[in-house]
Amino acid sequence: DMTIAGVGDLLAGGISIGDWYLANQLGMDDTYNEFPQTLLGPICQLLGNCSQEIDALTLSGMATLAKLISLNGLAISLTHASTPYSGFEHVMSHMLDLENEMAGLPTLLHGAQVGLTTIIGAEIYQYVLNSFSPTQNNIDEYFPSVDKSKAMLMDVFDKIDPSGKAGLECWHDYQQKLEKWRQNRQVIELFSSNWETIKQQLATLVSSPQSIRGILSAVHGPKTIADFSPSLTEQQLKFAFMNAPLMRKRFTIGDFLIFFKIDRESLWENILQTM
């Protein structure tokens, strides 16, 4: 189980690099660079090449997995942030942990959750790359008010922590992200006009949901809601999908969906069919 969780945690690189690049292009993170990718290489391709060896617990399979985990840690250390390999998939996993903690339920293996949420992230990217156009709405609609955002956030977290403590703690981080977003209007307007070029680069940085599922299948890792024990419910996963961006100041594809007014309910229903 721990080996499978290790694979799941590494699979995050299949979308987290895309999150990092996206944040950079939107003026939300100026630290983006290609060093982590150079150090590790195409992480999902490497895992796919040795997934059967990992599943069989062979010496070569374990050596490759250990090397990738070590290089992952080194890349994060030298970048001075977990951003390269911790994006929306990790925030969704943390939200699942918070849901269970507040309900007095046991938390699941973090890496196993990340494997599943990486599939969700990959599905989101597939949709965005194929269907998103930043000219669909008036750009004024991309900048929610601070007061309305705080009220919405507090209402969300009140559902799992009526004391308000979780909501206030998350608002402390989310407020920083929201304020930075609101200050970046010119950058976001430029992003919208350059979307076609940005999209081409973004497509090279993210993996397909099919490839993520293939690796998890090869190592017999959980890739649907029903695969988890203790159980994971559709309600828990949807709550994480819809609300995980409200937990942190780090910008991810989850925030992209919110700020660019993408219909997340419809997107979730489509993703759910694969879960």
C-alpha atoms as a PDB file:
ATOM      1  CA  ASP A   1       0.000   0.000   0.000  1.00  0.00           C
ATOM      2  CA  MET A   2       2.821   2.406   0.802  1.00  0.00           C
ATOM      3  CA  THR A   3       4.547   1.621  -2.500  1.00  0.00           C
ATOM      4  CA  ILE A   4       1.329   2.351  -4.391  1.00  0.00           C
ATOM      5  CA  ALA A   5       0.930   5.575  -2.411  1.00  0.00           C
ATOM      6  CA  GLY A   6       4.475   6.527  -3.426  1.00  0.00           C
ATOM      7  CA  VAL A   7       3.538   6.088  -7.075  1.00  0.00           C
ATOM      8  CA  GLY A   8       0.376   8.127  -6.558  1.00  0.00           C
ATOM      9  CA  ASP A   9       2.281  10.983  -4.959  1.00  0.00           C
ATOM     10  CA  LEU A  10       4.774  11.076  -7.839  1.00  0.00           C
ATOM     11  CA  LEU A  11       1.990  11.083 -10.413  1.00  0.00           C
ATOM     12  CA  ALA A  12       1.106  14.566  -9.187  1.00  0.00           C
ATOM     13  CA  GLY A  13       3.856  15.788 -11.508  1.00  0.00           C
ATOM     14  CA  GLY A  14       1.526  14.918 -14.348  1.00  0.00           C
ATOM     15  CA  ILE A  15      -0.459  18.091 -13.649  1.00  0.00           C
ATOM     16  CA  SER A  16       1.365  20.119 -10.977  1.00  0.00           C
ATOM     17  CA  ILE A  17       3.984  21.428 -13.412  1.00  0.00           C
ATOM     18  CA  GLY A  18       1.078  22.664 -15.525  1.00  0.00           C
ATOM     19  CA  ASP A  19      -0.384  24.426 -12.473  1.00  0.00           C
ATOM     20  CA  TRP A  20       2.958  26.094 -11.803  1.00  0.00           C
ATOM     21  CA  TYR A  21       3.307  27.280 -15.396  1.00  0.00           C
ATOM     22  CA  LEU A  22      -0.301  28.486 -15.470  1.00  0.00           C
ATOM     23  CA  ALA A  23       0.211  30.472 -12.253  1.00  0.00           C
ATOM     24  CA  ASN A  24       3.318  32.035 -13.772  1.00  0.00           C
ATOM     25  CA  GLN A  25       1.550  33.066 -16.965  1.00  0.00           C
ATOM     26  CA  LEU A  26      -1.232  34.682 -14.932  1.00  0.00           C
ATOM     27  CA  GLY A  27       1.194  36.659 -12.786  1.00  0.00           C
ATOM     28  CA  MET A  28       0.451  34.596  -9.670  1.00  0.00           C
ATOM     29  CA  ASP A  29       3.898  32.964  -9.242  1.00  0.00           C
ATOM     30  CA  ASP A  30       7.186  34.317 -10.534  1.00  0.00           C
ATOM     31  CA  THR A  31       9.290  31.306  -9.466  1.00  0.00           C
ATOM     32  CA  TYR A  32       8.509  29.028 -12.422  1.00  0.00           C
ATOM     33  CA  ASN A  33      11.532  27.415 -14.060  1.00  0.00           C
ATOM     34  CA  GLU A  34      12.385  24.162 -15.851  1.00  0.00           C
ATOM     35  CA  PHE A  35      14.921  22.853 -13.341  1.00  0.00           C
ATOM     36  CA  PRO A  36      12.613  20.276 -11.662  1.00  0.00           C
ATOM     37  CA  GLN A  37      11.627  18.837 -15.048  1.00  0.00           C
ATOM     38  CA  THR A  38      15.283  18.642 -16.089  1.00  0.00           C
ATOM     39  CA  LEU A  39      16.209  16.897 -12.850  1.00  0.00           C
ATOM     40  CA  LEU A  40      13.454  14.266 -12.864  1.00  0.00           C
ATOM     41  CA  GLY A  41      12.650  13.963 -16.543  1.00  0.00           C
ATOM     42  CA  PRO A  42       9.165  13.009 -17.838  1.00  0.00           C
ATOM     43  CA  ILE A  43       7.964  11.528 -14.571  1.00  0.00           C
ATOM     44  CA  CYS A  44       4.773   9.864 -15.829  1.00  0.00           C
ATOM     45  CA  GLN A  45       6.587   8.341 -18.792  1.00  0.00           C
ATOM     46  CA  LEU A  46       9.299   7.000 -16.483  1.00  0.00           C
ATOM     47  CA  LEU A  47       6.728   5.531 -14.097  1.00  0.00           C
ATOM     48  CA  GLY A  48       4.817   4.031 -17.002  1.00  0.00           C
ATOM     49  CA  ASN A  49       7.959   2.352 -18.317  1.00  0.00           C
ATOM     50  CA  CYS A  50       8.626   0.604 -15.015  1.00  0.00           C
ATOM     51  CA  SER A  51       5.107   0.230 -13.602  1.00  0.00           C
ATOM     52  CA  GLN A  52       5.043  -3.550 -14.045  1.00  0.00           C
ATOM     53  CA  GLU A  53       8.424  -3.826 -12.317  1.00  0.00           C
ATOM     54  CA  ILE A  54       7.100  -1.689  -9.445  1.00  0.00           C
ATOM     55  CA  ASP A  55       3.987  -3.836  -9.195  1.00  0.00           C
ATOM     56  CA  ALA A  56       6.139  -6.964  -8.993  1.00  0.00           C
ATOM     57  CA  LEU A  57       8.347  -5.310  -6.336  1.00  0.00           C
ATOM     58  CA  THR A  58      11.484  -6.170  -8.311  1.00  0.00           C
ATOM     59  CA  LEU A  59      14.829  -4.688  -7.342  1.00  0.00           C
ATOM     60  CA  SER A  60      14.978  -2.559 -10.501  1.00  0.00           C
ATOM     61  CA  GLY A  61      11.404  -1.354 -10.016  1.00  0.00           C
ATOM     62  CA  MET A  62      12.049  -0.367  -6.400  1.00  0.00           C
ATOM     63  CA  ALA A  63      15.329   1.291  -7.376  1.00  0.00           C
ATOM     64  CA  THR A  64      13.605   3.459  -9.988  1.00  0.00           C
ATOM     65  CA  LEU A  65      10.801   4.380  -7.614  1.00  0.00           C
ATOM     66  CA  ALA A  66      13.239   5.254  -4.819  1.00  0.00           C
ATOM     67  CA  LYS A  67      15.341   7.337  -7.201  1.00  0.00           C
ATOM     68  CA  LEU A  68      12.329   9.299  -8.460  1.00  0.00           C
ATOM     69  CA  ILE A  69      11.062   9.938  -4.927  1.00  0.00           C
ATOM     70  CA  SER A  70      14.519  11.139  -3.871  1.00  0.00           C
ATOM     71  CA  LEU A  71      14.894  13.408  -6.903  1.00  0.00           C
ATOM     72  CA  ASN A  72      11.390  14.739  -6.294  1.00  0.00           C
ATOM     73  CA  GLY A  73      12.423  15.753  -2.784  1.00  0.00           C
ATOM     74  CA  LEU A  74      15.654  17.258  -4.068  1.00  0.00           C
ATOM     75  CA  ALA A  75      13.821  19.296  -6.710  1.00  0.00           C
ATOM     76  CA  ILE A  76      11.456  20.672  -4.098  1.00  0.00           C
ATOM     77  CA  SER A  77      14.319  21.490  -1.726  1.00  0.00           C
ATOM     78  CA  LEU A  78      16.362  23.303  -4.367  1.00  0.00           C
ATOM     79  CA  THR A  79      13.301  25.187  -5.626  1.00  0.00           C
ATOM     80  CA  HIS A  80      12.537  26.186  -2.016  1.00  0.00           C
ATOM     81  CA  ALA A  81       8.864  25.292  -2.487  1.00  0.00           C
ATOM     82  CA  SER A  82       6.753  22.205  -3.049  1.00  0.00           C
ATOM     83  CA  THR A  83       4.997  23.979  -5.951  1.00  0.00           C
ATOM     84  CA  PRO A  84       6.586  21.941  -8.799  1.00  0.00           C
ATOM     85  CA  TYR A  85       5.100  18.671  -7.550  1.00  0.00           C
ATOM     86  CA  SER A  86       2.163  19.819  -5.452  1.00  0.00           C
ATOM     87  CA  GLY A  87      -0.764  21.393  -7.274  1.00  0.00           C
ATOM     88  CA  PHE A  88      -4.529  21.062  -7.304  1.00  0.00           C
ATOM     89  CA  GLU A  89      -4.294  17.292  -6.812  1.00  0.00           C
ATOM     90  CA  HIS A  90      -2.544  17.748  -3.445  1.00  0.00           C
ATOM     91  CA  VAL A  91      -4.921  20.463  -2.295  1.00  0.00           C
ATOM     92  CA  MET A  92      -7.877  18.169  -3.048  1.00  0.00           C
ATOM     93  CA  SER A  93      -6.191  15.440  -1.003  1.00  0.00           C
ATOM     94  CA  HIS A  94      -5.673  17.873   1.892  1.00  0.00           C
ATOM     95  CA  MET A  95      -9.330  18.864   1.700  1.00  0.00           C
ATOM     96  CA  LEU A  96     -10.338  15.192   1.923  1.00  0.00           C
ATOM     97  CA  ASP A  97      -8.134  14.908   5.014  1.00  0.00           C
ATOM     98  CA  LEU A  98      -9.814  17.962   6.555  1.00  0.00           C
ATOM     99  CA  GLU A  99     -13.268  16.574   5.824  1.00  0.00           C
ATOM    100  CA  ASN A 100     -12.406  13.295   7.551  1.00  0.00           C
ATOM    101  CA  GLU A 101     -10.696  15.010  10.469  1.00  0.00           C
ATOM    102  CA  MET A 102     -13.687  17.254  11.154  1.00  0.00           C
ATOM    103  CA  ALA A 103     -16.030  14.272  10.904  1.00  0.00           C
ATOM    104  CA  GLY A 104     -13.880  12.176  13.257  1.00  0.00           C
ATOM    105  CA  LEU A 105     -13.104   9.658  10.521  1.00  0.00           C
ATOM    106  CA  PRO A 106      -9.721   8.064   9.700  1.00  0.00           C
ATOM    107  CA  THR A 107      -7.701   9.695   6.951  1.00  0.00           C
ATOM    108  CA  LEU A 108      -6.694   7.664   3.918  1.00  0.00           C
ATOM    109  CA  LEU A 109      -3.168   7.283   2.550  1.00  0.00           C
ATOM    110  CA  HIS A 110      -2.214  10.670   1.148  1.00  0.00           C
ATOM    111  CA  GLY A 111      -0.413   9.312  -1.911  1.00  0.00           C
ATOM    112  CA  ALA A 112      -3.300   7.019  -2.801  1.00  0.00           C
ATOM    113  CA  GLN A 113      -5.662   9.991  -2.679  1.00  0.00           C
ATOM    114  CA  VAL A 114      -3.251  12.033  -4.789  1.00  0.00           C
ATOM    115  CA  GLY A 115      -3.250   9.336  -7.473  1.00  0.00           C
ATOM    116  CA  LEU A 116      -7.029   9.621  -7.761  1.00  0.00           C
ATOM    117  CA  THR A 117      -7.089  13.419  -7.600  1.00  0.00           C
ATOM    118  CA  THR A 118      -4.364  13.566 -10.261  1.00  0.00           C
ATOM    119  CA  ILE A 119      -6.792  11.786 -12.580  1.00  0.00           C
ATOM    120  CA  ILE A 120      -9.332  14.501 -11.784  1.00  0.00           C
ATOM    121  CA  GLY A 121      -6.755  17.203 -12.476  1.00  0.00           C
ATOM    122  CA  ALA A 122      -5.808  15.575 -15.767  1.00  0.00           C
ATOM    123  CA  GLU A 123      -9.489  15.445 -16.761  1.00  0.00           C
ATOM    124  CA  ILE A 124      -9.779  19.168 -15.985  1.00  0.00           C
ATOM    125  CA  TYR A 125      -6.766  19.971 -18.140  1.00  0.00           C
ATOM    126  CA  GLN A 126      -8.103  17.857 -20.974  1.00  0.00           C
ATOM    127  CA  TYR A 127     -11.329  19.876 -20.860  1.00  0.00           C
ATOM    128  CA  VAL A 128      -9.570  23.260 -20.583  1.00  0.00           C
ATOM    129  CA  LEU A 129      -7.169  22.518 -23.433  1.00  0.00           C
ATOM    130  CA  ASN A 130      -9.971  21.296 -25.689  1.00  0.00           C
ATOM    131  CA  SER A 131     -12.839  23.618 -24.790  1.00  0.00           C
ATOM    132  CA  PHE A 132     -11.823  26.750 -22.897  1.00  0.00           C
ATOM    133  CA  SER A 133     -11.851  30.163 -24.548  1.00  0.00           C
ATOM    134  CA  PRO A 134     -11.122  33.235 -22.386  1.00  0.00           C
ATOM    135  CA  THR A 135     -13.380  35.377 -24.580  1.00  0.00           C
ATOM    136  CA  GLN A 136     -16.508  33.536 -23.452  1.00  0.00           C
ATOM    137  CA  ASN A 137     -17.296  36.058 -20.702  1.00  0.00           C
ATOM    138  CA  ASN A 138     -16.860  39.753 -20.024  1.00  0.00           C
ATOM    139  CA  ILE A 139     -13.452  40.080 -18.363  1.00  0.00           C
ATOM    140  CA  ASP A 140     -14.995  42.105 -15.504  1.00  0.00           C
ATOM    141  CA  GLU A 141     -16.659  38.897 -14.371  1.00  0.00           C
ATOM    142  CA  TYR A 142     -13.255  37.318 -13.734  1.00  0.00           C
ATOM    143  CA  PHE A 143     -12.645  39.483 -10.654  1.00  0.00           C
ATOM    144  CA  PRO A 144     -14.950  38.588  -7.727  1.00  0.00           C
ATOM    145  CA  SER A 145     -15.348  41.044  -4.865  1.00  0.00           C
ATOM    146  CA  VAL A 146     -13.474  40.442  -1.621  1.00  0.00           C
ATOM    147  CA  ASP A 147     -16.609  40.621   0.539  1.00  0.00           C
ATOM    148  CA  LYS A 148     -18.578  38.145  -1.555  1.00  0.00           C
ATOM    149  CA  SER A 149     -15.607  35.787  -1.750  1.00  0.00           C
ATOM    150  CA  LYS A 150     -15.146  35.786   2.019  1.00  0.00           C
ATOM    151  CA  ALA A 151     -18.849  35.160   2.637  1.00  0.00           C
ATOM    152  CA  MET A 152     -18.793  32.278   0.170  1.00  0.00           C
ATOM    153  CA  LEU A 153     -15.660  30.769   1.713  1.00  0.00           C
ATOM    154  CA  MET A 154     -16.960  30.993   5.276  1.00  0.00           C
ATOM    155  CA  ASP A 155     -20.235  29.372   4.208  1.00  0.00           C
ATOM    156  CA  VAL A 156     -18.335  26.490   2.593  1.00  0.00           C
ATOM    157  CA  PHE A 157     -16.178  25.726   5.623  1.00  0.00           C
ATOM    158  CA  ASP A 158     -19.084  26.188   8.029  1.00  0.00           C
ATOM    159  CA  LYS A 159     -20.461  22.961   6.557  1.00  0.00           C
ATOM    160  CA  ILE A 160     -17.552  20.945   7.978  1.00  0.00           C
ATOM    161  CA  ASP A 161     -16.482  23.179  10.886  1.00  0.00           C
ATOM    162  CA  PRO A 162     -19.338  25.253  12.364  1.00  0.00           C
ATOM    163  CA  SER A 163     -16.893  26.833  14.839  1.00  0.00           C
ATOM    164  CA  GLY A 164     -15.578  28.998  12.005  1.00  0.00           C
ATOM    165  CA  LYS A 165     -11.928  28.299  12.867  1.00  0.00           C
ATOM    166  CA  ALA A 166     -11.177  26.368   9.685  1.00  0.00           C
ATOM    167  CA  GLY A 167     -12.847  29.033   7.571  1.00  0.00           C
ATOM    168  CA  LEU A 168     -10.897  31.888   9.126  1.00  0.00           C
ATOM    169  CA  GLU A 169      -7.600  30.026   8.804  1.00  0.00           C
ATOM    170  CA  CYS A 170      -8.246  29.282   5.137  1.00  0.00           C
ATOM    171  CA  TRP A 171      -9.429  32.837   4.461  1.00  0.00           C
ATOM    172  CA  HIS A 172      -6.070  34.120   5.727  1.00  0.00           C
ATOM    173  CA  ASP A 173      -4.361  32.313   2.832  1.00  0.00           C
ATOM    174  CA  TYR A 174      -7.080  32.635   0.211  1.00  0.00           C
ATOM    175  CA  GLN A 175      -7.369  36.394   0.732  1.00  0.00           C
ATOM    176  CA  GLN A 176      -3.743  36.812  -0.342  1.00  0.00           C
ATOM    177  CA  LYS A 177      -4.402  34.902  -3.560  1.00  0.00           C
ATOM    178  CA  LEU A 178      -7.593  36.816  -4.268  1.00  0.00           C
ATOM    179  CA  GLU A 179      -5.951  40.198  -3.737  1.00  0.00           C
ATOM    180  CA  LYS A 180      -3.038  39.300  -5.986  1.00  0.00           C
ATOM    181  CA  TRP A 181      -5.454  38.109  -8.671  1.00  0.00           C
ATOM    182  CA  ARG A 182      -7.416  41.362  -8.486  1.00  0.00           C
ATOM    183  CA  GLN A 183      -4.185  43.358  -8.856  1.00  0.00           C
ATOM    184  CA  ASN A 184      -3.186  41.424 -11.991  1.00  0.00           C
ATOM    185  CA  ARG A 185      -5.856  42.602 -14.404  1.00  0.00           C
ATOM    186  CA  GLN A 186      -3.415  43.709 -17.106  1.00  0.00           C
ATOM    187  CA  VAL A 187      -1.502  40.424 -16.918  1.00  0.00           C
ATOM    188  CA  ILE A 188      -4.749  38.450 -17.119  1.00  0.00           C
ATOM    189  CA  GLU A 189      -5.917  40.488 -20.108  1.00  0.00           C
ATOM    190  CA  LEU A 190      -2.602  39.714 -21.827  1.00  0.00           C
ATOM    191  CA  PHE A 191      -2.987  36.043 -20.909  1.00  0.00           C
ATOM    192  CA  SER A 192      -6.421  35.997 -22.527  1.00  0.00           C
ATOM    193  CA  SER A 193      -5.097  37.455 -25.757  1.00  0.00           C
ATOM    194  CA  ASN A 194      -2.146  35.004 -25.787  1.00  0.00           C
ATOM    195  CA  TRP A 195      -4.166  31.941 -24.779  1.00  0.00           C
ATOM    196  CA  GLU A 196      -3.616  29.978 -27.988  1.00  0.00           C
ATOM    197  CA  THR A 197       0.170  30.190 -27.612  1.00  0.00           C
ATOM    198  CA  ILE A 198       0.069  29.486 -23.871  1.00  0.00           C
ATOM    199  CA  LYS A 199      -2.218  26.528 -24.489  1.00  0.00           C
ATOM    200  CA  GLN A 200       0.313  24.878 -26.777  1.00  0.00           C
ATOM    201  CA  GLN A 201       3.026  25.042 -24.107  1.00  0.00           C
ATOM    202  CA  LEU A 202       0.645  23.955 -21.369  1.00  0.00           C
ATOM    203  CA  ALA A 203      -0.301  20.865 -23.358  1.00  0.00           C
ATOM    204  CA  THR A 204       3.332  19.701 -23.242  1.00  0.00           C
ATOM    205  CA  LEU A 205       3.439  19.945 -19.436  1.00  0.00           C
ATOM    206  CA  VAL A 206       0.406  17.878 -18.429  1.00  0.00           C
ATOM    207  CA  SER A 207      -0.367  14.185 -18.798  1.00  0.00           C
ATOM    208  CA  SER A 208      -3.574  12.677 -20.099  1.00  0.00           C
ATOM    209  CA  PRO A 209      -6.042  11.075 -17.690  1.00  0.00           C
ATOM    210  CA  GLN A 210      -5.661   7.863 -19.689  1.00  0.00           C
ATOM    211  CA  SER A 211      -1.933   7.686 -18.986  1.00  0.00           C
ATOM    212  CA  ILE A 212      -2.450   8.329 -15.247  1.00  0.00           C
ATOM    213  CA  ARG A 213      -5.101   5.618 -15.069  1.00  0.00           C
ATOM    214  CA  GLY A 214      -2.852   3.243 -16.983  1.00  0.00           C
ATOM    215  CA  ILE A 215      -0.029   3.596 -14.461  1.00  0.00           C
ATOM    216  CA  LEU A 216      -2.363   3.193 -11.489  1.00  0.00           C
ATOM    217  CA  SER A 217      -3.902   0.116 -13.124  1.00  0.00           C
ATOM    218  CA  ALA A 218      -0.471  -1.414 -13.686  1.00  0.00           C
ATOM    219  CA  VAL A 219       0.479  -1.062  -9.996  1.00  0.00           C
ATOM    220  CA  HIS A 220      -3.040  -2.071  -8.847  1.00  0.00           C
ATOM    221  CA  GLY A 221      -3.581   1.322  -7.244  1.00  0.00           C
ATOM    222  CA  PRO A 222      -6.987   2.900  -6.521  1.00  0.00           C
ATOM    223  CA  LYS A 223      -8.319   4.856  -9.477  1.00  0.00           C
ATOM    224  CA  THR A 224     -12.036   5.043  -8.692  1.00  0.00           C
ATOM    225  CA  ILE A 225     -14.059   5.967  -5.609  1.00  0.00           C
ATOM    226  CA  ALA A 226     -14.986   2.324  -5.058  1.00  0.00           C
ATOM    227  CA  ASP A 227     -11.330   1.260  -4.864  1.00  0.00           C
ATOM    228  CA  PHE A 228     -10.745   2.930  -1.491  1.00  0.00           C
ATOM    229  CA  SER A 229     -10.851   1.238   1.889  1.00  0.00           C
ATOM    230  CA  PRO A 230     -11.790   2.816   4.276  1.00  0.00           C
ATOM    231  CA  SER A 231     -14.421   4.150   1.938  1.00  0.00           C
ATOM    232  CA  LEU A 232     -14.329   7.402   0.027  1.00  0.00           C
ATOM    233  CA  THR A 233     -17.686   8.858  -0.967  1.00  0.00           C
ATOM    234  CA  GLU A 234     -18.812  10.756  -4.022  1.00  0.00           C
ATOM    235  CA  GLN A 235     -19.980  13.572  -1.737  1.00  0.00           C
ATOM    236  CA  GLN A 236     -16.536  13.921  -0.126  1.00  0.00           C
ATOM    237  CA  LEU A 237     -14.759  13.941  -3.474  1.00  0.00           C
ATOM    238  CA  LYS A 238     -17.124  16.523  -4.979  1.00  0.00           C
ATOM    239  CA  PHE A 239     -16.686  18.778  -1.940  1.00  0.00           C
ATOM    240  CA  ALA A 240     -12.913  18.607  -2.398  1.00  0.00           C
ATOM    241  CA  PHE A 241     -13.174  19.259  -6.144  1.00  0.00           C
ATOM    242  CA  MET A 242     -15.434  22.274  -5.691  1.00  0.00           C
ATOM    243  CA  ASN A 243     -13.816  23.847  -2.645  1.00  0.00           C
ATOM    244  CA  ALA A 244     -10.150  22.838  -2.351  1.00  0.00           C
ATOM    245  CA  PRO A 245      -8.975  26.071  -4.051  1.00  0.00           C
ATOM    246  CA  LEU A 246     -10.351  27.971  -1.047  1.00  0.00           C
ATOM    247  CA  MET A 247      -7.824  26.340   1.305  1.00  0.00           C
ATOM    248  CA  ARG A 248      -4.551  27.776   0.074  1.00  0.00           C
ATOM    249  CA  LYS A 249      -2.866  30.844  -1.408  1.00  0.00           C
ATOM    250  CA  ARG A 250      -1.208  28.744  -4.138  1.00  0.00           C
ATOM    251  CA  PHE A 251      -2.821  29.180  -7.561  1.00  0.00           C
ATOM    252  CA  THR A 252      -3.851  25.971  -9.357  1.00  0.00           C
ATOM    253  CA  ILE A 253      -6.139  24.829 -12.143  1.00  0.00           C
ATOM    254  CA  GLY A 254      -8.894  24.724  -9.515  1.00  0.00           C
ATOM    255  CA  ASP A 255      -8.643  28.501  -9.116  1.00  0.00           C
ATOM    256  CA  PHE A 256      -8.557  28.858 -12.889  1.00  0.00           C
ATOM    257  CA  LEU A 257     -11.975  27.210 -13.072  1.00  0.00           C
ATOM    258  CA  ILE A 258     -13.393  29.571 -10.450  1.00  0.00           C
ATOM    259  CA  PHE A 259     -11.945  32.866 -11.697  1.00  0.00           C
ATOM    260  CA  PHE A 260     -12.687  32.176 -15.360  1.00  0.00           C
ATOM    261  CA  LYS A 261     -16.279  31.229 -14.549  1.00  0.00           C
ATOM    262  CA  ILE A 262     -16.126  27.709 -15.979  1.00  0.00           C
ATOM    263  CA  ASP A 263     -19.225  25.609 -15.251  1.00  0.00           C
ATOM    264  CA  ARG A 264     -17.782  23.353 -12.556  1.00  0.00           C
ATOM    265  CA  GLU A 265     -21.041  21.498 -11.871  1.00  0.00           C
ATOM    266  CA  SER A 266     -21.241  20.256 -15.447  1.00  0.00           C
ATOM    267  CA  LEU A 267     -17.531  19.501 -15.504  1.00  0.00           C
ATOM    268  CA  TRP A 268     -17.823  17.516 -12.277  1.00  0.00           C
ATOM    269  CA  GLU A 269     -20.717  15.459 -13.670  1.00  0.00           C
ATOM    270  CA  ASN A 270     -18.585  14.550 -16.679  1.00  0.00           C
ATOM    271  CA  ILE A 271     -15.570  13.672 -14.515  1.00  0.00           C
ATOM    272  CA  LEU A 272     -17.741  11.665 -12.129  1.00  0.00           C
ATOM    273  CA  GLN A 273     -18.551   9.247 -14.932  1.00  0.00           C
ATOM    274  CA  THR A 274     -14.892   8.209 -14.891  1.00  0.00           C
ATOM    275  CA  MET A 275     -14.662   7.906 -11.099  1.00  0.00           C
END
